[in-house]
Protein backbone atom coordinates (compact mmCIF):
# COMPACT_ATOMS: atom_id res chain seq x y z
CA MET A 1 -21.64 -67.49 87.09
CA LYS A 2 -19.15 -64.76 88.13
CA ASN A 3 -20.95 -64.33 91.46
CA LYS A 4 -20.66 -68.14 92.34
CA ALA A 5 -16.87 -68.08 91.68
CA PHE A 6 -16.55 -65.08 93.93
CA ILE A 7 -18.77 -66.23 96.76
CA ILE A 8 -17.29 -69.77 97.17
CA PRO A 9 -13.75 -68.49 98.16
CA ILE A 10 -15.36 -65.89 100.57
CA ILE A 11 -17.46 -68.60 102.29
CA PHE A 12 -14.44 -70.88 102.53
CA PHE A 13 -12.35 -68.03 104.04
CA PHE A 14 -14.97 -67.38 106.74
CA VAL A 15 -15.29 -71.04 107.56
CA VAL A 16 -11.46 -71.29 108.06
CA VAL A 17 -11.44 -68.10 110.21
CA ILE A 18 -14.27 -69.40 112.38
CA PHE A 19 -12.70 -72.74 112.81
CA TYR A 20 -9.38 -71.22 113.70
CA PHE A 21 -10.78 -68.93 116.44
CA THR A 22 -13.02 -71.68 117.79
CA LYS A 23 -10.13 -74.07 118.09
CA HIS A 24 -7.80 -71.66 119.63
CA GLN A 25 -10.28 -70.29 122.12
CA SER A 26 -11.60 -73.62 123.42
CA SER A 27 -8.19 -75.44 123.92
CA PRO A 28 -6.03 -74.35 126.92
CA ARG A 29 -2.50 -73.32 126.24
CA ILE A 30 -0.10 -76.15 126.87
CA ALA A 31 3.00 -75.57 128.92
CA LYS A 32 6.25 -75.02 126.92
CA VAL A 33 9.75 -74.80 128.26
CA GLY A 34 10.76 -71.04 128.42
CA SER A 35 7.14 -69.80 128.70
CA LEU A 36 5.08 -68.91 131.59
CA ALA A 37 3.71 -72.03 133.45
CA PRO A 38 0.00 -72.50 133.31
CA ASP A 39 -1.98 -71.47 136.42
CA ILE A 40 -3.41 -74.70 137.68
CA GLU A 41 -5.61 -75.34 140.75
CA LEU A 42 -4.99 -78.37 142.91
CA THR A 43 -6.36 -79.78 146.16
CA ASP A 44 -4.11 -81.21 148.88
CA THR A 45 -4.88 -84.11 151.19
CA GLN A 46 -6.65 -81.77 153.64
CA ASP A 47 -8.91 -80.36 150.83
CA ASN A 48 -7.01 -77.08 150.78
CA LYS A 49 -6.89 -75.30 147.44
CA LEU A 50 -3.60 -74.24 145.86
CA LYS A 51 -3.08 -72.15 142.69
CA LEU A 52 0.23 -72.34 141.02
CA SER A 53 0.25 -68.57 140.54
CA GLU A 54 0.30 -68.21 144.41
CA LEU A 55 3.78 -69.74 144.40
CA LYS A 56 5.53 -67.04 142.17
CA GLY A 57 8.84 -66.21 143.93
CA ASN A 58 9.60 -69.86 144.62
CA VAL A 59 11.27 -72.57 142.56
CA VAL A 60 8.55 -75.20 142.11
CA PHE A 61 9.09 -78.90 141.36
CA ILE A 62 5.94 -80.49 139.86
CA ASN A 63 5.73 -84.22 139.41
CA PHE A 64 2.87 -86.22 137.86
CA TRP A 65 2.90 -89.80 139.13
CA ALA A 66 0.76 -92.83 139.97
CA SER A 67 1.16 -95.83 142.35
CA TRP A 68 0.38 -98.22 139.46
CA CYS A 69 3.37 -96.88 137.53
CA GLN A 70 6.56 -98.80 138.28
CA PRO A 71 8.98 -96.14 137.07
CA CYS A 72 7.09 -93.71 139.26
CA ILE A 73 7.66 -96.03 142.30
CA ASP A 74 11.24 -96.40 141.44
CA GLU A 75 11.72 -92.64 141.35
CA ILE A 76 9.80 -91.83 144.47
CA PRO A 77 12.66 -92.46 147.08
CA THR A 78 14.86 -89.92 145.25
CA ILE A 79 11.95 -87.38 145.25
CA GLU A 80 11.59 -87.93 149.02
CA VAL A 81 15.33 -87.26 149.42
CA LEU A 82 15.13 -84.07 147.37
CA TYR A 83 12.11 -82.95 149.39
CA ARG A 84 13.79 -83.50 152.74
CA TYR A 85 16.99 -81.80 151.55
CA LEU A 86 15.14 -78.57 150.18
CA SER A 87 11.93 -78.39 152.10
CA GLY A 88 13.60 -76.19 154.73
CA ASN A 89 14.34 -73.63 152.00
CA THR A 90 11.52 -71.08 151.89
CA ASN A 91 12.11 -70.53 148.15
CA PHE A 92 11.44 -74.14 147.15
CA LYS A 93 8.08 -75.82 146.84
CA MET A 94 7.33 -79.34 145.93
CA ILE A 95 4.04 -80.51 144.17
CA THR A 96 3.37 -84.01 143.34
CA ILE A 97 0.11 -84.64 141.54
CA LEU A 98 -1.71 -87.92 141.42
CA PHE A 99 -2.61 -89.10 137.91
CA GLN A 100 -5.49 -91.47 137.46
CA ASP A 101 -4.88 -93.25 140.75
CA ASP A 102 -6.88 -94.45 143.81
CA GLU A 103 -6.10 -91.92 146.53
CA ASN A 104 -6.71 -94.34 149.43
CA ARG A 105 -4.13 -96.86 147.92
CA VAL A 106 -1.61 -93.99 147.58
CA PHE A 107 -2.04 -92.61 151.06
CA ARG A 108 -1.61 -96.15 152.53
CA TYR A 109 1.50 -96.62 150.43
CA MET A 110 3.01 -93.22 151.44
CA LYS A 111 2.36 -94.02 155.06
CA GLN A 112 3.81 -97.55 154.90
CA GLN A 113 6.97 -96.20 153.20
CA GLY A 114 7.31 -93.18 155.49
CA TYR A 115 7.23 -90.73 152.59
CA THR A 116 6.51 -87.11 153.62
CA PHE A 117 6.53 -85.02 150.40
CA PRO A 118 3.18 -83.22 149.59
CA ILE A 119 0.56 -84.94 147.44
CA TYR A 120 -2.07 -82.95 145.39
CA ARG A 121 -5.16 -84.05 143.55
CA ASN A 122 -6.58 -82.81 140.29
CA PRO A 123 -9.63 -85.10 139.66
CA ASP A 124 -10.75 -83.42 136.46
CA GLY A 125 -7.30 -83.93 134.89
CA SER A 126 -6.96 -80.26 133.93
CA ALA A 127 -3.46 -79.87 135.31
CA ALA A 128 -2.31 -82.81 133.18
CA LYS A 129 -3.98 -81.33 130.08
CA ARG A 130 -2.46 -77.90 130.63
CA PHE A 131 1.01 -79.34 131.08
CA GLY A 132 0.59 -81.64 128.14
CA ILE A 133 1.68 -84.77 129.85
CA THR A 134 1.92 -87.91 127.78
CA GLY A 135 2.42 -90.35 130.62
CA VAL A 136 3.85 -90.69 134.07
CA PRO A 137 6.20 -89.88 135.52
CA GLU A 138 6.63 -86.42 134.07
CA THR A 139 8.32 -83.61 136.08
CA PHE A 140 8.34 -79.87 135.46
CA ILE A 141 10.70 -77.25 137.09
CA ILE A 142 9.34 -73.75 137.38
CA ASP A 143 11.64 -70.74 138.29
CA LYS A 144 10.83 -67.89 140.74
CA LYS A 145 9.37 -65.85 137.84
CA GLY A 146 6.87 -68.52 136.96
CA ILE A 147 8.73 -69.62 133.79
CA LEU A 148 8.82 -73.34 133.03
CA ARG A 149 12.52 -74.06 132.93
CA ASP A 150 12.67 -77.80 132.40
CA LYS A 151 10.54 -80.76 131.55
CA VAL A 152 11.68 -84.30 132.34
CA VAL A 153 9.80 -87.20 130.76
CA GLY A 154 10.30 -90.46 132.58
CA PRO A 155 12.09 -91.17 135.90
CA LEU A 156 15.20 -89.33 137.07
CA GLU A 157 17.39 -89.73 140.14
CA TRP A 158 16.46 -86.45 141.91
CA ASP A 159 18.80 -87.06 144.83
CA THR A 160 22.19 -86.66 142.96
CA GLN A 161 24.48 -83.82 143.88
CA PRO A 162 24.28 -82.23 140.40
CA VAL A 163 20.52 -82.18 140.47
CA ILE A 164 20.36 -80.81 143.86
CA GLN A 165 22.82 -78.18 142.93
CA SER A 166 20.88 -77.10 139.88
CA PHE A 167 17.87 -76.50 142.28
CA LEU A 168 20.07 -74.42 144.52
CA ASN A 169 21.25 -72.47 141.51
CA LEU A 170 17.73 -71.72 140.53
CA ILE A 171 16.79 -70.75 144.06
CA ASN A 172 19.77 -68.32 144.23
CA GLU A 173 18.98 -66.64 140.94
C-alpha cells in the first residue's frame, strides 16, 4: 500500500513534465512587444524569398491585411502614403502580408488603385501564427535591432505627421 501512495505522485509528476516540454517545444514563440521579432519567411509577387532576419538594421513595418476586410481597404491609402514618403529611406522596409485572400483579386485591385507598396505571401499562415494575429488589419513595427516595438490591432491613419515622425525617430535611433 505504501508503494502505491509513493508511485502515483511520481507518475503524475512525469506526466506533467512530459506534457510541459511537449507543449513548449511544438508551439512556436508568439511575438511580444519588447521582444525579438520572430524570423518569418515570406514570398513576394515575383516568388523571391525574404526572411525577416535579413532586414536587421532597418525599421520594418509589417501589416497583415486582406481585400475582403473593409477596415483594411480603408487603411490602405494611408499605408501607400507612408510607403511613398519613407520608401526612399534605406533604413525603412515595408512588408504587407496577405491573409487568407485571393492573390489574383488583390493584384487586380492594387493595379486598379495604383498602389505600389510591396505585397508578400505566406500561404501556410505561419507568419500570422508567429505574430499571434487575431484578425486583420494588424500591424507590427520592428526596430533596427529586430525588437518588436509596437503592435496595432485594427486600422490606423499611417499618413499623419505624428506617425511619420515616430518612424523617422526610430530610423534615426
